[in-house]
């Protein structure tokens, strides 16, 4: 499977945990995993994270807090998230290796948690700083050797460059499909392993049917580019 669903409950929801659990129940066995961030954790709390983890089965739970601090602080966050049942954590590559990501990587390895680094984001403002410093951020990722990296479906050239330099063992996760303009399958054709899709699926009338449509679009796009 090549699809990860981002669970970002809208602020106006009275029960974001139930909203998230219903989506998980409808998609379990259909997608590779689910990504949660600050909107979910601030509204549902760490107990909510535990509830999601208990419900997921074999699906992966990714905590996308985009950690960006010294190694000691990021490691504390990783330990708390691991205790709640999270399978992977996302941190920013721009904080660098020494005294930062080197410690987080060791902590994640000790905990059995996957580390994913943001090398470039998918929104237009990313071109102002992140895309311009892409080579340096990619060098940090090479030194850390994380399980995966985040690269934008909205800029497939960056994905192709990363795949050449990182090799085949590092997973590439690509957001930006749907609401931000990228079409399902474009990032996969460029070398990504997973596409991260949020609002296109979660805000649809039938998340399961929409996820099936996205998967079919991925397959068709990959057939054409293959």
C-alpha atoms as a PDB file:
ATOM      1  CA  UNK A   1       0.000   0.000   0.000  1.00  0.00           C
ATOM      2  CA  UNK A   2       1.171   3.488  -0.840  1.00  0.00           C
ATOM      3  CA  UNK A   3      -1.253   5.752   1.033  1.00  0.00           C
ATOM      4  CA  UNK A   4      -0.984   7.456   4.441  1.00  0.00           C
ATOM      5  CA  UNK A   5      -3.924   9.516   5.682  1.00  0.00           C
ATOM      6  CA  UNK A   6      -3.370  12.732   7.644  1.00  0.00           C
ATOM      7  CA  UNK A   7      -5.865  13.105  10.498  1.00  0.00           C
ATOM      8  CA  UNK A   8      -6.175  16.821  11.215  1.00  0.00           C
ATOM      9  CA  UNK A   9      -9.594  17.323  12.842  1.00  0.00           C
ATOM     10  CA  UNK A  10     -11.196  20.699  12.049  1.00  0.00           C
ATOM     11  CA  UNK A  11     -11.202  23.096  15.012  1.00  0.00           C
ATOM     12  CA  UNK A  12     -14.993  23.341  15.080  1.00  0.00           C
ATOM     13  CA  UNK A  13     -15.485  19.625  15.801  1.00  0.00           C
ATOM     14  CA  UNK A  14     -16.992  18.907  19.218  1.00  0.00           C
ATOM     15  CA  UNK A  15     -15.522  15.377  19.348  1.00  0.00           C
ATOM     16  CA  UNK A  16     -12.305  15.131  17.303  1.00  0.00           C
ATOM     17  CA  UNK A  17     -11.398  11.758  18.793  1.00  0.00           C
ATOM     18  CA  UNK A  18     -14.608  10.094  17.626  1.00  0.00           C
ATOM     19  CA  UNK A  19     -14.208  11.749  14.208  1.00  0.00           C
ATOM     20  CA  UNK A  20     -10.682  10.296  13.926  1.00  0.00           C
ATOM     21  CA  UNK A  21     -11.648   6.846  15.178  1.00  0.00           C
ATOM     22  CA  UNK A  22     -14.508   6.617  12.694  1.00  0.00           C
ATOM     23  CA  UNK A  23     -12.160   7.432   9.826  1.00  0.00           C
ATOM     24  CA  UNK A  24      -9.652   4.855  11.073  1.00  0.00           C
ATOM     25  CA  UNK A  25     -12.361   2.211  11.340  1.00  0.00           C
ATOM     26  CA  UNK A  26     -13.514   2.903   7.786  1.00  0.00           C
ATOM     27  CA  UNK A  27      -9.988   2.794   6.334  1.00  0.00           C
ATOM     28  CA  UNK A  28      -8.293   0.090   8.394  1.00  0.00           C
ATOM     29  CA  UNK A  29      -6.751  -2.469   6.033  1.00  0.00           C
ATOM     30  CA  UNK A  30      -7.022  -0.053   3.107  1.00  0.00           C
ATOM     31  CA  UNK A  31      -4.173   2.380   3.858  1.00  0.00           C
ATOM     32  CA  UNK A  32      -0.628   1.963   5.154  1.00  0.00           C
ATOM     33  CA  UNK A  33      -0.949   4.312   8.094  1.00  0.00           C
ATOM     34  CA  UNK A  34      -2.234   7.494   9.679  1.00  0.00           C
ATOM     35  CA  UNK A  35      -0.456  10.735  10.527  1.00  0.00           C
ATOM     36  CA  UNK A  36      -1.467  12.942  13.447  1.00  0.00           C
ATOM     37  CA  UNK A  37      -0.151  16.355  14.389  1.00  0.00           C
ATOM     38  CA  UNK A  38      -0.721  19.204  16.792  1.00  0.00           C
ATOM     39  CA  UNK A  39      -4.404  19.717  15.877  1.00  0.00           C
ATOM     40  CA  UNK A  40      -5.232  16.187  17.007  1.00  0.00           C
ATOM     41  CA  UNK A  41      -2.989  16.120  20.087  1.00  0.00           C
ATOM     42  CA  UNK A  42      -4.133  19.549  21.305  1.00  0.00           C
ATOM     43  CA  UNK A  43      -7.776  18.559  20.972  1.00  0.00           C
ATOM     44  CA  UNK A  44      -7.711  14.898  22.014  1.00  0.00           C
ATOM     45  CA  UNK A  45      -4.638  14.765  24.266  1.00  0.00           C
ATOM     46  CA  UNK A  46      -2.154  11.952  24.767  1.00  0.00           C
ATOM     47  CA  UNK A  47      -4.963   9.651  25.862  1.00  0.00           C
ATOM     48  CA  UNK A  48      -6.441  10.246  22.446  1.00  0.00           C
ATOM     49  CA  UNK A  49      -3.156   9.170  20.864  1.00  0.00           C
ATOM     50  CA  UNK A  50      -3.299   5.973  22.912  1.00  0.00           C
ATOM     51  CA  UNK A  51      -6.878   5.333  21.777  1.00  0.00           C
ATOM     52  CA  UNK A  52      -5.838   5.661  18.141  1.00  0.00           C
ATOM     53  CA  UNK A  53      -2.895   3.335  18.642  1.00  0.00           C
ATOM     54  CA  UNK A  54      -5.119   0.702  20.231  1.00  0.00           C
ATOM     55  CA  UNK A  55      -7.494   0.838  17.261  1.00  0.00           C
ATOM     56  CA  UNK A  56      -5.027   0.721  14.374  1.00  0.00           C
ATOM     57  CA  UNK A  57      -4.129  -2.916  14.056  1.00  0.00           C
ATOM     58  CA  UNK A  58      -1.228  -3.268  11.622  1.00  0.00           C
ATOM     59  CA  UNK A  59      -1.455   0.309  10.345  1.00  0.00           C
ATOM     60  CA  UNK A  60       1.377   2.703  11.216  1.00  0.00           C
ATOM     61  CA  UNK A  61       0.783   5.705  13.489  1.00  0.00           C
ATOM     62  CA  UNK A  62       3.032   8.681  12.702  1.00  0.00           C
ATOM     63  CA  UNK A  63       3.316  11.632  15.089  1.00  0.00           C
ATOM     64  CA  UNK A  64       3.978  14.718  13.011  1.00  0.00           C
ATOM     65  CA  UNK A  65       5.081  17.333  15.542  1.00  0.00           C
ATOM     66  CA  UNK A  66       7.918  18.453  13.277  1.00  0.00           C
ATOM     67  CA  UNK A  67      10.295  18.389  16.230  1.00  0.00           C
ATOM     68  CA  UNK A  68      12.862  21.186  16.039  1.00  0.00           C
ATOM     69  CA  UNK A  69      14.891  21.576  19.226  1.00  0.00           C
ATOM     70  CA  UNK A  70      18.050  20.388  20.932  1.00  0.00           C
ATOM     71  CA  UNK A  71      18.491  16.648  21.143  1.00  0.00           C
ATOM     72  CA  UNK A  72      17.573  16.389  24.836  1.00  0.00           C
ATOM     73  CA  UNK A  73      14.179  18.045  24.370  1.00  0.00           C
ATOM     74  CA  UNK A  74      13.332  16.149  21.178  1.00  0.00           C
ATOM     75  CA  UNK A  75      14.277  12.876  22.845  1.00  0.00           C
ATOM     76  CA  UNK A  76      11.868  13.545  25.721  1.00  0.00           C
ATOM     77  CA  UNK A  77       9.092  14.138  23.203  1.00  0.00           C
ATOM     78  CA  UNK A  78       9.954  10.921  21.370  1.00  0.00           C
ATOM     79  CA  UNK A  79       9.827   8.918  24.602  1.00  0.00           C
ATOM     80  CA  UNK A  80       6.402  10.325  25.510  1.00  0.00           C
ATOM     81  CA  UNK A  81       5.048   9.593  22.050  1.00  0.00           C
ATOM     82  CA  UNK A  82       6.469   6.079  22.041  1.00  0.00           C
ATOM     83  CA  UNK A  83       4.797   5.461  25.388  1.00  0.00           C
ATOM     84  CA  UNK A  84       1.474   6.384  23.819  1.00  0.00           C
ATOM     85  CA  UNK A  85       1.947   3.810  21.060  1.00  0.00           C
ATOM     86  CA  UNK A  86       3.319   5.912  18.212  1.00  0.00           C
ATOM     87  CA  UNK A  87       5.319   4.020  15.576  1.00  0.00           C
ATOM     88  CA  UNK A  88       7.175   6.950  13.994  1.00  0.00           C
ATOM     89  CA  UNK A  89       8.007  10.578  14.748  1.00  0.00           C
ATOM     90  CA  UNK A  90       8.720  13.442  12.367  1.00  0.00           C
ATOM     91  CA  UNK A  91      11.443  16.019  13.049  1.00  0.00           C
ATOM     92  CA  UNK A  92      12.930  18.879  11.047  1.00  0.00           C
ATOM     93  CA  UNK A  93      16.269  18.302   9.340  1.00  0.00           C
ATOM     94  CA  UNK A  94      17.230  21.978   9.669  1.00  0.00           C
ATOM     95  CA  UNK A  95      18.159  21.635  13.360  1.00  0.00           C
ATOM     96  CA  UNK A  96      21.252  19.742  12.259  1.00  0.00           C
ATOM     97  CA  UNK A  97      23.089  16.656  13.428  1.00  0.00           C
ATOM     98  CA  UNK A  98      25.354  17.606  16.335  1.00  0.00           C
ATOM     99  CA  UNK A  99      23.657  17.974  19.715  1.00  0.00           C
ATOM    100  CA  UNK A 100      20.290  17.550  18.008  1.00  0.00           C
ATOM    101  CA  UNK A 101      19.352  14.835  15.536  1.00  0.00           C
ATOM    102  CA  UNK A 102      22.200  12.546  16.567  1.00  0.00           C
ATOM    103  CA  UNK A 103      20.561  12.206  19.998  1.00  0.00           C
ATOM    104  CA  UNK A 104      17.051  11.891  18.626  1.00  0.00           C
ATOM    105  CA  UNK A 105      18.147   9.161  16.214  1.00  0.00           C
ATOM    106  CA  UNK A 106      19.733   7.154  19.035  1.00  0.00           C
ATOM    107  CA  UNK A 107      16.638   7.587  21.189  1.00  0.00           C
ATOM    108  CA  UNK A 108      14.359   6.449  18.378  1.00  0.00           C
ATOM    109  CA  UNK A 109      16.582   3.457  17.655  1.00  0.00           C
ATOM    110  CA  UNK A 110      16.571   2.483  21.335  1.00  0.00           C
ATOM    111  CA  UNK A 111      12.775   2.812  21.475  1.00  0.00           C
ATOM    112  CA  UNK A 112      12.147   0.970  18.224  1.00  0.00           C
ATOM    113  CA  UNK A 113      10.488   4.092  16.785  1.00  0.00           C
ATOM    114  CA  UNK A 114      10.990   5.153  13.167  1.00  0.00           C
ATOM    115  CA  UNK A 115      12.538   8.590  12.639  1.00  0.00           C
ATOM    116  CA  UNK A 116      11.334  10.656   9.691  1.00  0.00           C
ATOM    117  CA  UNK A 117      12.993  13.944   8.742  1.00  0.00           C
ATOM    118  CA  UNK A 118      11.377  16.864   6.966  1.00  0.00           C
ATOM    119  CA  UNK A 119      13.786  17.856   4.210  1.00  0.00           C
ATOM    120  CA  UNK A 120      11.308  20.021   2.290  1.00  0.00           C
ATOM    121  CA  UNK A 121       7.655  20.942   2.771  1.00  0.00           C
ATOM    122  CA  UNK A 122       4.836  21.112   0.245  1.00  0.00           C
ATOM    123  CA  UNK A 123       3.369  24.618   0.617  1.00  0.00           C
ATOM    124  CA  UNK A 124       4.425  27.509  -1.623  1.00  0.00           C
ATOM    125  CA  UNK A 125       6.320  29.301   1.141  1.00  0.00           C
ATOM    126  CA  UNK A 126       8.738  26.376   1.328  1.00  0.00           C
ATOM    127  CA  UNK A 127      10.391  27.749  -1.814  1.00  0.00           C
ATOM    128  CA  UNK A 128      11.498  30.845   0.123  1.00  0.00           C
ATOM    129  CA  UNK A 129      13.938  29.024   2.435  1.00  0.00           C
ATOM    130  CA  UNK A 130      13.702  25.240   2.491  1.00  0.00           C
ATOM    131  CA  UNK A 131      13.905  24.555  -1.226  1.00  0.00           C
ATOM    132  CA  UNK A 132      16.808  26.996  -1.554  1.00  0.00           C
ATOM    133  CA  UNK A 133      18.753  25.087   1.109  1.00  0.00           C
ATOM    134  CA  UNK A 134      17.750  21.665  -0.143  1.00  0.00           C
ATOM    135  CA  UNK A 135      21.262  20.312  -0.678  1.00  0.00           C
ATOM    136  CA  UNK A 136      22.318  21.139   2.883  1.00  0.00           C
ATOM    137  CA  UNK A 137      19.167  19.627   4.392  1.00  0.00           C
ATOM    138  CA  UNK A 138      19.618  16.511   2.317  1.00  0.00           C
ATOM    139  CA  UNK A 139      23.204  16.219   3.580  1.00  0.00           C
ATOM    140  CA  UNK A 140      21.866  16.274   7.148  1.00  0.00           C
ATOM    141  CA  UNK A 141      19.470  13.467   6.281  1.00  0.00           C
ATOM    142  CA  UNK A 142      22.284  11.430   4.779  1.00  0.00           C
ATOM    143  CA  UNK A 143      24.286  11.796   7.992  1.00  0.00           C
ATOM    144  CA  UNK A 144      21.379  10.924  10.284  1.00  0.00           C
ATOM    145  CA  UNK A 145      20.244   7.951   8.173  1.00  0.00           C
ATOM    146  CA  UNK A 146      16.565   8.135   9.215  1.00  0.00           C
ATOM    147  CA  UNK A 147      13.939   5.553   8.326  1.00  0.00           C
ATOM    148  CA  UNK A 148      12.317   8.100   6.059  1.00  0.00           C
ATOM    149  CA  UNK A 149      12.205  11.669   4.787  1.00  0.00           C
ATOM    150  CA  UNK A 150       9.380  14.053   3.913  1.00  0.00           C
ATOM    151  CA  UNK A 151       9.524  15.605   0.450  1.00  0.00           C
ATOM    152  CA  UNK A 152       6.769  17.480  -1.386  1.00  0.00           C
ATOM    153  CA  UNK A 153       4.480  15.942  -3.959  1.00  0.00           C
ATOM    154  CA  UNK A 154       4.230  19.516  -5.239  1.00  0.00           C
ATOM    155  CA  UNK A 155       7.896  19.480  -6.338  1.00  0.00           C
ATOM    156  CA  UNK A 156       8.718  16.115  -7.844  1.00  0.00           C
ATOM    157  CA  UNK A 157      12.185  17.275  -8.922  1.00  0.00           C
ATOM    158  CA  UNK A 158      13.230  17.254  -5.265  1.00  0.00           C
ATOM    159  CA  UNK A 159      11.928  13.707  -4.890  1.00  0.00           C
ATOM    160  CA  UNK A 160      13.932  12.501  -7.872  1.00  0.00           C
ATOM    161  CA  UNK A 161      17.105  14.128  -6.552  1.00  0.00           C
ATOM    162  CA  UNK A 162      16.610  12.610  -3.114  1.00  0.00           C
ATOM    163  CA  UNK A 163      15.981   9.139  -4.471  1.00  0.00           C
ATOM    164  CA  UNK A 164      19.245   9.259  -6.391  1.00  0.00           C
ATOM    165  CA  UNK A 165      21.244  10.426  -3.360  1.00  0.00           C
ATOM    166  CA  UNK A 166      19.515   8.489  -0.582  1.00  0.00           C
ATOM    167  CA  UNK A 167      19.272   5.197  -2.419  1.00  0.00           C
ATOM    168  CA  UNK A 168      16.402   2.742  -2.192  1.00  0.00           C
ATOM    169  CA  UNK A 169      16.457   1.976   1.546  1.00  0.00           C
ATOM    170  CA  UNK A 170      15.240   5.374   2.786  1.00  0.00           C
ATOM    171  CA  UNK A 171      11.483   5.810   2.532  1.00  0.00           C
ATOM    172  CA  UNK A 172      10.149   8.973   0.957  1.00  0.00           C
ATOM    173  CA  UNK A 173       6.810  10.277   2.216  1.00  0.00           C
ATOM    174  CA  UNK A 174       5.164  12.980   0.124  1.00  0.00           C
ATOM    175  CA  UNK A 175       2.409  15.347   1.300  1.00  0.00           C
ATOM    176  CA  UNK A 176       0.659  17.906  -0.851  1.00  0.00           C
ATOM    177  CA  UNK A 177      -1.705  15.590  -2.725  1.00  0.00           C
ATOM    178  CA  UNK A 178      -5.220  16.889  -3.165  1.00  0.00           C
ATOM    179  CA  UNK A 179      -5.845  20.188  -1.401  1.00  0.00           C
ATOM    180  CA  UNK A 180      -2.375  21.559  -2.250  1.00  0.00           C
ATOM    181  CA  UNK A 181      -2.601  20.652  -5.901  1.00  0.00           C
ATOM    182  CA  UNK A 182      -0.544  17.511  -6.533  1.00  0.00           C
ATOM    183  CA  UNK A 183      -2.385  14.600  -8.139  1.00  0.00           C
ATOM    184  CA  UNK A 184      -2.355  11.049  -6.763  1.00  0.00           C
ATOM    185  CA  UNK A 185       0.527   9.030  -8.144  1.00  0.00           C
ATOM    186  CA  UNK A 186       2.747  11.927  -9.249  1.00  0.00           C
ATOM    187  CA  UNK A 187       5.083  11.646  -6.252  1.00  0.00           C
ATOM    188  CA  UNK A 188       5.165   7.851  -6.551  1.00  0.00           C
ATOM    189  CA  UNK A 189       6.243   8.137 -10.167  1.00  0.00           C
ATOM    190  CA  UNK A 190       9.077  10.439  -9.075  1.00  0.00           C
ATOM    191  CA  UNK A 191      10.368   7.904  -6.542  1.00  0.00           C
ATOM    192  CA  UNK A 192       8.285   8.361  -3.375  1.00  0.00           C
ATOM    193  CA  UNK A 193       7.145   5.334  -1.386  1.00  0.00           C
ATOM    194  CA  UNK A 194       4.033   6.872   0.144  1.00  0.00           C
ATOM    195  CA  UNK A 195       1.751   9.774  -0.588  1.00  0.00           C
ATOM    196  CA  UNK A 196       0.206  11.547   2.392  1.00  0.00           C
ATOM    197  CA  UNK A 197      -3.374  12.647   1.785  1.00  0.00           C
ATOM    198  CA  UNK A 198      -5.512  14.535   4.284  1.00  0.00           C
ATOM    199  CA  UNK A 199      -8.481  16.764   3.492  1.00  0.00           C
ATOM    200  CA  UNK A 200      -9.236  15.160   0.127  1.00  0.00           C
ATOM    201  CA  UNK A 201     -10.156  12.003   2.057  1.00  0.00           C
ATOM    202  CA  UNK A 202     -11.037  13.055   5.594  1.00  0.00           C
ATOM    203  CA  UNK A 203     -13.421  15.870   4.633  1.00  0.00           C
ATOM    204  CA  UNK A 204     -15.197  13.866   1.935  1.00  0.00           C
ATOM    205  CA  UNK A 205     -18.685  12.440   2.449  1.00  0.00           C
ATOM    206  CA  UNK A 206     -17.321   8.891   2.202  1.00  0.00           C
ATOM    207  CA  UNK A 207     -13.651   8.646   3.300  1.00  0.00           C
ATOM    208  CA  UNK A 208     -13.438   4.955   2.399  1.00  0.00           C
ATOM    209  CA  UNK A 209     -14.698   5.453  -1.147  1.00  0.00           C
ATOM    210  CA  UNK A 210     -12.465   8.481  -1.626  1.00  0.00           C
ATOM    211  CA  UNK A 211      -9.433   6.513  -0.406  1.00  0.00           C
ATOM    212  CA  UNK A 212     -10.247   3.757  -2.915  1.00  0.00           C
ATOM    213  CA  UNK A 213     -10.454   6.384  -5.658  1.00  0.00           C
ATOM    214  CA  UNK A 214      -7.068   7.799  -4.652  1.00  0.00           C
ATOM    215  CA  UNK A 215      -5.497   4.331  -4.673  1.00  0.00           C
ATOM    216  CA  UNK A 216      -6.928   3.651  -8.132  1.00  0.00           C
ATOM    217  CA  UNK A 217      -5.601   6.976  -9.383  1.00  0.00           C
ATOM    218  CA  UNK A 218      -2.183   6.114  -7.968  1.00  0.00           C
ATOM    219  CA  UNK A 219      -2.190   2.778  -9.775  1.00  0.00           C
ATOM    220  CA  UNK A 220      -3.240   4.325 -13.072  1.00  0.00           C
ATOM    221  CA  UNK A 221      -0.625   7.066 -12.835  1.00  0.00           C
ATOM    222  CA  UNK A 222       2.100   4.546 -12.005  1.00  0.00           C
ATOM    223  CA  UNK A 223       1.005   2.352 -14.910  1.00  0.00           C
ATOM    224  CA  UNK A 224       1.417   5.285 -17.270  1.00  0.00           C
ATOM    225  CA  UNK A 225       4.783   6.413 -15.915  1.00  0.00           C
ATOM    226  CA  UNK A 226       6.162   2.895 -15.533  1.00  0.00           C
END
